[in-house]
């Protein structure tokens, strides 16, 4: 190794970096922004878990239990009427993470010194949150039961004291396997990384090599040129999705309870978003290095606030609002809903519609910016 040549290369690379204001801003701003997301959004603490309550007793004792749970900072408690079927609807739609069914005769059994059962259902599609939420809820109910027992013992010395028999059940992921929770989300991440990166680099590579100008002066329209570059990337993304889905079921034994066709149909809207994002990156980047750095800068925060690992409800308000602009958020819900819950289009249509709207906006903005650059 020649030290002089090495020194010259280092000097050249340093000068080239310092002459590029975009790279400097990216190098300074990206670590700060990502640190902020990690510190504030990356939390597994339980906060405001949605708890649906079906009170079929309607007595004072049942209302006291609901009031006790409402005062816990960990739960957002709301009632759904007196039909247990409503609890299943709340879990299926994702509006509730836990449900509590208080049976008829709850107060009467307590008054007679019996142990009335209450049923807890937990959405196990998010295994991390499910375990924590179930433990917090059962603990809160048992503390309430102990309080009742102490009060009854004071009023009736020597009489048997009542308790509560909690019967928890985990739906959608009974074994609380984290693999079942993680693998469906990986589909969203791989499609995001591959299709966005390929789209951004394919256009920038043409610009770097000088062939983009040659293509522009041909009879090809800008939209035709962009579609011609993006369609092969979309096919690659779908093939990757097929490989992931097959491997997840056959190798990792992740249940796929919903429609495979619906999964791939909604993947089309997601690909429209990722390809549009890649196109936008290509229009604001002059080099492949800039495109890669911009892609990394946008991808990491999107993953953090998408709900792929950390519950969105635990994030700060601004991060929750920002997540609505992230296509990964919607596709993670779609993938987990189809995999674990067997959800159909009647449940997932809001996420599908959001992907189409975001995809149309991203793709249109990319095409307009590309036309402006070409002109």
Protein backbone atom coordinates (compact mmCIF):
# COMPACT_ATOMS: atom_id res chain seq x y z
CA UNK A 1 0.00 0.00 0.00
CA UNK A 2 1.31 3.44 -0.97
CA UNK A 3 0.59 5.99 1.78
CA UNK A 4 0.80 8.92 -0.64
CA UNK A 5 -1.86 7.50 -2.96
CA UNK A 6 -4.05 6.71 0.02
CA UNK A 7 -3.70 10.29 1.29
CA UNK A 8 -4.64 11.73 -2.09
CA UNK A 9 -7.75 9.56 -2.31
CA UNK A 10 -8.82 10.55 1.18
CA UNK A 11 -8.29 14.23 0.34
CA UNK A 12 -10.27 13.94 -2.88
CA UNK A 13 -13.20 12.20 -1.21
CA UNK A 14 -13.20 14.77 1.60
CA UNK A 15 -13.27 17.69 -0.83
CA UNK A 16 -15.99 16.08 -2.89
CA UNK A 17 -18.12 15.60 0.22
CA UNK A 18 -17.62 19.17 1.44
CA UNK A 19 -18.61 20.54 -1.96
CA UNK A 20 -21.98 18.81 -1.75
CA UNK A 21 -24.30 20.73 0.62
CA UNK A 22 -26.99 18.03 0.36
CA UNK A 23 -24.67 15.33 1.60
CA UNK A 24 -23.53 17.54 4.47
CA UNK A 25 -27.11 18.26 5.53
CA UNK A 26 -27.97 14.58 5.26
CA UNK A 27 -24.95 13.54 7.31
CA UNK A 28 -25.76 16.04 10.05
CA UNK A 29 -29.55 15.88 10.15
CA UNK A 30 -30.16 12.17 9.61
CA UNK A 31 -28.50 10.89 12.82
CA UNK A 32 -30.35 13.48 14.90
CA UNK A 33 -33.74 12.71 13.39
CA UNK A 34 -33.25 8.95 13.69
CA UNK A 35 -32.08 9.28 17.30
CA UNK A 36 -35.23 11.28 18.04
CA UNK A 37 -37.44 8.58 16.56
CA UNK A 38 -35.62 5.82 18.43
CA UNK A 39 -35.76 7.64 21.77
CA UNK A 40 -39.42 8.70 21.59
CA UNK A 41 -41.17 6.17 19.37
CA UNK A 42 -39.28 2.97 20.25
CA UNK A 43 -41.10 2.10 23.46
CA UNK A 44 -42.94 -1.04 24.51
CA UNK A 45 -44.61 0.51 27.57
CA UNK A 46 -48.35 -0.06 27.66
CA UNK A 47 -50.42 3.10 27.39
CA UNK A 48 -54.08 3.66 26.54
CA UNK A 49 -54.73 0.12 25.32
CA UNK A 50 -58.28 0.01 23.97
CA UNK A 51 -60.45 -2.14 26.27
CA UNK A 52 -64.03 -2.92 25.20
CA UNK A 53 -66.37 -3.91 28.04
CA UNK A 54 -69.62 -5.85 27.73
CA UNK A 55 -71.55 -5.48 30.99
CA UNK A 56 -74.32 -8.09 30.95
CA UNK A 57 -74.95 -7.72 34.69
CA UNK A 58 -75.58 -3.99 35.00
CA UNK A 59 -75.28 -4.02 38.78
CA UNK A 60 -73.32 -1.87 41.18
CA UNK A 61 -70.47 -4.38 41.51
CA UNK A 62 -69.98 -4.55 37.73
CA UNK A 63 -69.96 -0.76 37.46
CA UNK A 64 -67.38 -0.56 40.24
CA UNK A 65 -65.10 -2.96 38.35
CA UNK A 66 -65.41 -0.94 35.13
CA UNK A 67 -64.75 2.29 37.03
CA UNK A 68 -61.62 0.81 38.61
CA UNK A 69 -60.27 -0.18 35.20
CA UNK A 70 -61.14 3.23 33.76
CA UNK A 71 -58.92 4.87 36.36
CA UNK A 72 -55.93 2.83 35.23
CA UNK A 73 -53.56 4.79 33.00
CA UNK A 74 -52.90 1.69 30.91
CA UNK A 75 -56.39 1.34 29.43
CA UNK A 76 -58.88 3.32 27.43
CA UNK A 77 -62.16 1.72 28.52
CA UNK A 78 -65.38 1.94 26.53
CA UNK A 79 -68.65 0.00 26.63
CA UNK A 80 -70.16 -1.87 23.69
CA UNK A 81 -73.60 -2.79 24.99
CA UNK A 82 -74.84 -6.09 26.38
CA UNK A 83 -74.13 -8.49 23.50
CA UNK A 84 -70.92 -10.57 23.69
CA UNK A 85 -70.91 -10.72 19.90
CA UNK A 86 -70.02 -7.03 19.87
CA UNK A 87 -66.74 -7.88 21.59
CA UNK A 88 -65.72 -10.14 18.72
CA UNK A 89 -66.58 -7.42 16.22
CA UNK A 90 -64.38 -4.97 18.11
CA UNK A 91 -61.44 -7.38 18.00
CA UNK A 92 -61.97 -8.28 14.34
CA UNK A 93 -62.01 -4.65 13.27
CA UNK A 94 -58.98 -3.74 15.37
CA UNK A 95 -60.87 -1.10 17.35
CA UNK A 96 -60.13 -2.98 20.60
CA UNK A 97 -56.97 -4.69 21.78
CA UNK A 98 -58.67 -6.36 24.75
CA UNK A 99 -62.24 -7.14 25.73
CA UNK A 100 -63.89 -7.86 29.09
CA UNK A 101 -67.14 -9.80 29.38
CA UNK A 102 -68.99 -9.41 32.70
CA UNK A 103 -71.65 -12.16 32.86
CA UNK A 104 -75.18 -11.90 34.29
CA UNK A 105 -75.36 -12.56 38.02
CA UNK A 106 -71.90 -11.09 38.60
CA UNK A 107 -73.00 -8.90 41.53
CA UNK A 108 -75.26 -11.58 43.00
CA UNK A 109 -72.45 -14.12 43.08
CA UNK A 110 -70.14 -11.64 44.79
CA UNK A 111 -72.78 -10.86 47.40
CA UNK A 112 -73.15 -14.58 48.15
CA UNK A 113 -69.43 -15.12 48.55
CA UNK A 114 -68.95 -16.97 45.27
CA UNK A 115 -66.25 -16.46 42.65
CA UNK A 116 -67.90 -15.15 39.47
CA UNK A 117 -65.97 -15.67 36.22
CA UNK A 118 -65.12 -12.77 33.92
CA UNK A 119 -63.75 -13.45 30.47
CA UNK A 120 -60.87 -11.52 28.92
CA UNK A 121 -60.16 -11.73 25.18
CA UNK A 122 -56.88 -10.42 23.82
CA UNK A 123 -55.86 -9.62 20.25
CA UNK A 124 -52.74 -11.77 19.93
CA UNK A 125 -51.80 -10.63 16.43
CA UNK A 126 -49.40 -8.23 18.17
CA UNK A 127 -47.83 -10.70 20.57
CA UNK A 128 -45.65 -8.17 22.42
CA UNK A 129 -48.51 -5.85 23.25
CA UNK A 130 -50.86 -8.77 23.93
CA UNK A 131 -48.68 -10.26 26.65
CA UNK A 132 -48.15 -6.92 28.37
CA UNK A 133 -51.78 -5.83 28.09
CA UNK A 134 -53.15 -9.13 29.35
CA UNK A 135 -50.79 -9.10 32.34
CA UNK A 136 -51.78 -5.50 33.22
CA UNK A 137 -55.50 -6.22 32.90
CA UNK A 138 -55.44 -9.42 34.93
CA UNK A 139 -53.34 -7.69 37.57
CA UNK A 140 -55.80 -4.79 37.79
CA UNK A 141 -58.77 -7.17 38.11
CA UNK A 142 -57.05 -9.20 40.80
CA UNK A 143 -56.19 -6.07 42.78
CA UNK A 144 -59.82 -5.05 42.58
CA UNK A 145 -60.79 -8.55 43.75
CA UNK A 146 -58.42 -8.28 46.71
CA UNK A 147 -59.95 -4.92 47.66
CA UNK A 148 -63.42 -6.46 47.62
CA UNK A 149 -62.21 -9.36 49.72
CA UNK A 150 -60.75 -7.06 52.37
CA UNK A 151 -63.91 -4.95 52.51
CA UNK A 152 -66.09 -8.05 52.78
CA UNK A 153 -63.90 -9.46 55.54
CA UNK A 154 -64.29 -6.25 57.53
CA UNK A 155 -68.07 -6.26 57.16
CA UNK A 156 -68.61 -9.99 57.77
CA UNK A 157 -66.03 -11.40 60.14
CA UNK A 158 -65.50 -15.10 59.64
CA UNK A 159 -67.53 -15.23 56.41
CA UNK A 160 -65.96 -16.48 53.19
CA UNK A 161 -64.89 -13.58 51.01
CA UNK A 162 -65.64 -13.27 47.30
CA UNK A 163 -63.09 -13.26 44.50
CA UNK A 164 -63.01 -13.02 40.73
CA UNK A 165 -62.18 -15.93 38.45
CA UNK A 166 -60.42 -14.41 35.43
CA UNK A 167 -60.53 -16.57 32.29
CA UNK A 168 -58.14 -15.09 29.70
CA UNK A 169 -58.06 -16.26 26.10
CA UNK A 170 -55.77 -15.03 23.33
CA UNK A 171 -57.26 -14.76 19.86
CA UNK A 172 -55.55 -14.86 16.44
CA UNK A 173 -52.19 -15.87 17.94
CA UNK A 174 -52.97 -18.26 20.82
CA UNK A 175 -49.34 -19.20 21.47
CA UNK A 176 -48.24 -15.53 21.39
CA UNK A 177 -45.47 -16.42 18.94
CA UNK A 178 -43.52 -13.31 18.04
CA UNK A 179 -42.73 -14.86 14.66
CA UNK A 180 -46.41 -14.72 13.73
CA UNK A 181 -46.36 -11.04 14.60
CA UNK A 182 -43.11 -10.13 12.83
CA UNK A 183 -43.20 -12.10 9.57
CA UNK A 184 -46.29 -10.43 8.01
CA UNK A 185 -44.71 -7.04 8.63
CA UNK A 186 -41.49 -8.15 6.95
CA UNK A 187 -43.40 -8.38 3.67
CA UNK A 188 -44.03 -4.64 3.90
CA UNK A 189 -40.42 -3.84 4.75
CA UNK A 190 -38.84 -5.90 1.97
CA UNK A 191 -41.17 -4.48 -0.67
CA UNK A 192 -40.42 -0.97 0.58
CA UNK A 193 -36.64 -1.35 0.55
CA UNK A 194 -36.29 -3.25 -2.73
CA UNK A 195 -38.76 -1.40 -4.94
CA UNK A 196 -37.93 2.07 -3.65
CA UNK A 197 -34.19 1.53 -3.95
CA UNK A 198 -34.34 -0.07 -7.39
CA UNK A 199 -36.59 2.68 -8.78
CA UNK A 200 -34.47 5.49 -7.40
CA UNK A 201 -31.17 4.02 -8.57
CA UNK A 202 -32.36 3.05 -12.03
CA UNK A 203 -33.23 6.63 -12.94
CA UNK A 204 -30.20 8.19 -11.24
CA UNK A 205 -27.89 5.67 -12.90
CA UNK A 206 -29.13 6.81 -16.29
CA UNK A 207 -28.49 10.41 -15.33
CA UNK A 208 -24.98 9.66 -14.10
CA UNK A 209 -24.02 7.77 -17.22
CA UNK A 210 -25.47 10.46 -19.50
CA UNK A 211 -27.92 8.11 -21.21
CA UNK A 212 -30.99 9.73 -19.65
CA UNK A 213 -30.66 12.74 -21.93
CA UNK A 214 -30.41 10.40 -24.91
CA UNK A 215 -33.64 8.70 -23.90
CA UNK A 216 -35.39 12.03 -23.35
CA UNK A 217 -34.75 13.24 -26.90
CA UNK A 218 -36.37 10.10 -28.32
CA UNK A 219 -40.09 10.03 -29.12
CA UNK A 220 -40.70 8.42 -25.73
CA UNK A 221 -42.90 10.47 -23.40
CA UNK A 222 -41.66 10.98 -19.82
CA UNK A 223 -44.56 8.92 -18.43
CA UNK A 224 -43.79 6.08 -20.84
CA UNK A 225 -40.16 6.16 -19.88
CA UNK A 226 -40.94 6.07 -16.18
CA UNK A 227 -43.49 3.29 -16.48
CA UNK A 228 -41.07 1.26 -18.57
CA UNK A 229 -38.56 1.50 -15.75
CA UNK A 230 -41.01 0.90 -12.92
CA UNK A 231 -42.97 -2.06 -14.22
CA UNK A 232 -40.01 -4.48 -14.07
CA UNK A 233 -39.32 -3.31 -10.52
CA UNK A 234 -42.95 -3.92 -9.59
CA UNK A 235 -42.72 -7.45 -11.01
CA UNK A 236 -39.59 -8.05 -8.95
CA UNK A 237 -41.40 -6.82 -5.85
CA UNK A 238 -44.35 -9.15 -6.44
CA UNK A 239 -42.02 -12.10 -7.00
CA UNK A 240 -40.30 -11.29 -3.72
CA UNK A 241 -43.69 -11.13 -2.03
CA UNK A 242 -44.57 -14.59 -3.40
CA UNK A 243 -41.31 -16.01 -2.08
CA UNK A 244 -41.86 -14.46 1.33
CA UNK A 245 -45.45 -15.67 1.62
CA UNK A 246 -44.57 -19.22 0.58
CA UNK A 247 -41.59 -19.34 2.93
CA UNK A 248 -43.56 -17.88 5.83
CA UNK A 249 -46.20 -20.60 5.57
CA UNK A 250 -44.08 -23.62 4.62
CA UNK A 251 -40.87 -22.89 6.53
CA UNK A 252 -41.85 -20.67 9.45
CA UNK A 253 -45.37 -22.11 9.94
CA UNK A 254 -47.02 -18.69 10.12
CA UNK A 255 -50.79 -19.12 9.66
CA UNK A 256 -52.31 -17.51 6.58
CA UNK A 257 -56.02 -17.41 7.38
CA UNK A 258 -57.17 -14.89 4.80
CA UNK A 259 -57.26 -14.61 1.03
CA UNK A 260 -53.92 -14.78 -0.78
CA UNK A 261 -55.46 -13.05 -3.79
CA UNK A 262 -56.61 -10.16 -1.61
CA UNK A 263 -53.12 -9.86 -0.14
CA UNK A 264 -51.53 -9.53 -3.57
CA UNK A 265 -54.30 -7.25 -4.83
CA UNK A 266 -53.73 -4.81 -1.99
CA UNK A 267 -49.99 -5.18 -2.55
CA UNK A 268 -50.57 -3.40 -5.86
CA UNK A 269 -51.62 -0.23 -4.05
CA UNK A 270 -48.62 -0.53 -1.75
CA UNK A 271 -46.25 -0.94 -4.70
CA UNK A 272 -47.72 2.20 -6.23
CA UNK A 273 -46.63 4.04 -3.08
CA UNK A 274 -43.13 2.56 -2.91
CA UNK A 275 -42.46 3.09 -6.61
CA UNK A 276 -43.74 6.65 -6.37
CA UNK A 277 -41.45 7.27 -3.42
CA UNK A 278 -38.50 5.89 -5.40
CA UNK A 279 -39.38 8.13 -8.31
CA UNK A 280 -39.46 11.18 -6.04
CA UNK A 281 -36.06 10.25 -4.62
CA UNK A 282 -34.64 9.93 -8.12
CA UNK A 283 -35.84 13.41 -9.11
CA UNK A 284 -34.17 15.13 -6.14
CA UNK A 285 -30.94 13.10 -6.30
CA UNK A 286 -28.08 13.72 -8.70
CA UNK A 287 -25.95 10.70 -7.78
CA UNK A 288 -26.57 7.13 -6.71
CA UNK A 289 -24.95 7.86 -3.36
CA UNK A 290 -27.39 10.67 -2.70
CA UNK A 291 -30.29 8.43 -3.71
CA UNK A 292 -29.19 5.69 -1.31
CA UNK A 293 -28.70 8.12 1.56
CA UNK A 294 -32.08 9.76 0.95
CA UNK A 295 -33.77 6.38 0.75
CA UNK A 296 -32.19 5.33 4.04
CA UNK A 297 -33.15 8.64 5.65
CA UNK A 298 -36.81 8.18 4.69
CA UNK A 299 -37.07 4.43 5.25
CA UNK A 300 -35.82 4.17 8.84
CA UNK A 301 -38.29 6.68 10.37
CA UNK A 302 -41.10 5.16 8.29
CA UNK A 303 -40.38 1.72 9.78
CA UNK A 304 -40.22 3.10 13.32
CA UNK A 305 -43.58 4.89 13.20
CA UNK A 306 -45.41 2.28 11.10
CA UNK A 307 -46.40 0.02 14.00
CA UNK A 308 -44.22 -2.78 12.65
CA UNK A 309 -42.39 -3.19 15.97
CA UNK A 310 -43.70 -0.59 18.40
CA UNK A 311 -47.40 0.22 19.03
CA UNK A 312 -48.43 3.50 17.44
CA UNK A 313 -50.61 4.32 20.46
CA UNK A 314 -47.49 4.52 22.64
CA UNK A 315 -45.84 7.15 20.42
CA UNK A 316 -46.00 10.92 20.88
CA UNK A 317 -48.92 12.71 19.26
CA UNK A 318 -46.80 14.19 16.47
CA UNK A 319 -45.37 10.78 15.58
CA UNK A 320 -48.88 9.28 15.44
CA UNK A 321 -50.04 11.98 13.06
CA UNK A 322 -46.92 11.59 10.92
CA UNK A 323 -47.55 7.86 10.63
CA UNK A 324 -50.69 8.55 8.57
CA UNK A 325 -48.39 9.70 5.75
CA UNK A 326 -46.44 6.44 5.84
CA UNK A 327 -47.65 3.71 3.45
CA UNK A 328 -45.95 1.05 5.59
CA UNK A 329 -48.46 1.73 8.38
CA UNK A 330 -51.40 0.70 6.23
CA UNK A 331 -49.79 -2.33 4.61
CA UNK A 332 -48.62 -3.72 7.98
CA UNK A 333 -52.27 -3.66 9.11
CA UNK A 334 -53.30 -5.36 5.87
CA UNK A 335 -50.66 -8.09 6.07
CA UNK A 336 -51.31 -8.92 9.72
CA UNK A 337 -55.06 -8.75 9.26
CA UNK A 338 -55.02 -11.22 6.36
CA UNK A 339 -52.41 -13.50 7.93
CA UNK A 340 -53.63 -13.75 11.51
CA UNK A 341 -57.26 -12.60 11.54
CA UNK A 342 -58.42 -13.70 8.10
CA UNK A 343 -59.83 -10.22 7.47
CA UNK A 344 -61.52 -9.51 4.18
CA UNK A 345 -61.98 -6.38 2.12
CA UNK A 346 -64.97 -5.34 4.25
CA UNK A 347 -62.52 -4.72 7.12
CA UNK A 348 -59.39 -3.68 5.22
CA UNK A 349 -60.90 -1.32 2.64
CA UNK A 350 -59.87 1.86 4.57
CA UNK A 351 -56.21 0.79 4.45
CA UNK A 352 -56.51 -0.13 0.77
CA UNK A 353 -58.10 3.22 -0.05
CA UNK A 354 -55.38 5.07 1.87
CA UNK A 355 -52.69 3.25 -0.13
CA UNK A 356 -54.33 4.17 -3.43
CA UNK A 357 -54.60 7.84 -2.45
CA UNK A 358 -51.02 8.04 -1.16
CA UNK A 359 -49.73 6.11 -4.17
CA UNK A 360 -51.51 8.37 -6.64
CA UNK A 361 -50.12 11.48 -4.89
CA UNK A 362 -46.55 10.15 -4.73
CA UNK A 363 -46.53 8.90 -8.31
CA UNK A 364 -48.10 12.08 -9.68
CA UNK A 365 -45.63 14.26 -7.79
CA UNK A 366 -42.73 12.16 -9.08
CA UNK A 367 -43.90 12.40 -12.69
CA UNK A 368 -44.43 16.17 -12.47
CA UNK A 369 -41.02 16.75 -10.91
CA UNK A 370 -39.38 14.52 -13.49
CA UNK A 371 -41.05 16.45 -16.33
CA UNK A 372 -39.89 19.71 -14.77
CA UNK A 373 -36.32 18.44 -14.57
CA UNK A 374 -36.44 17.22 -18.16
CA UNK A 375 -37.83 20.52 -19.42
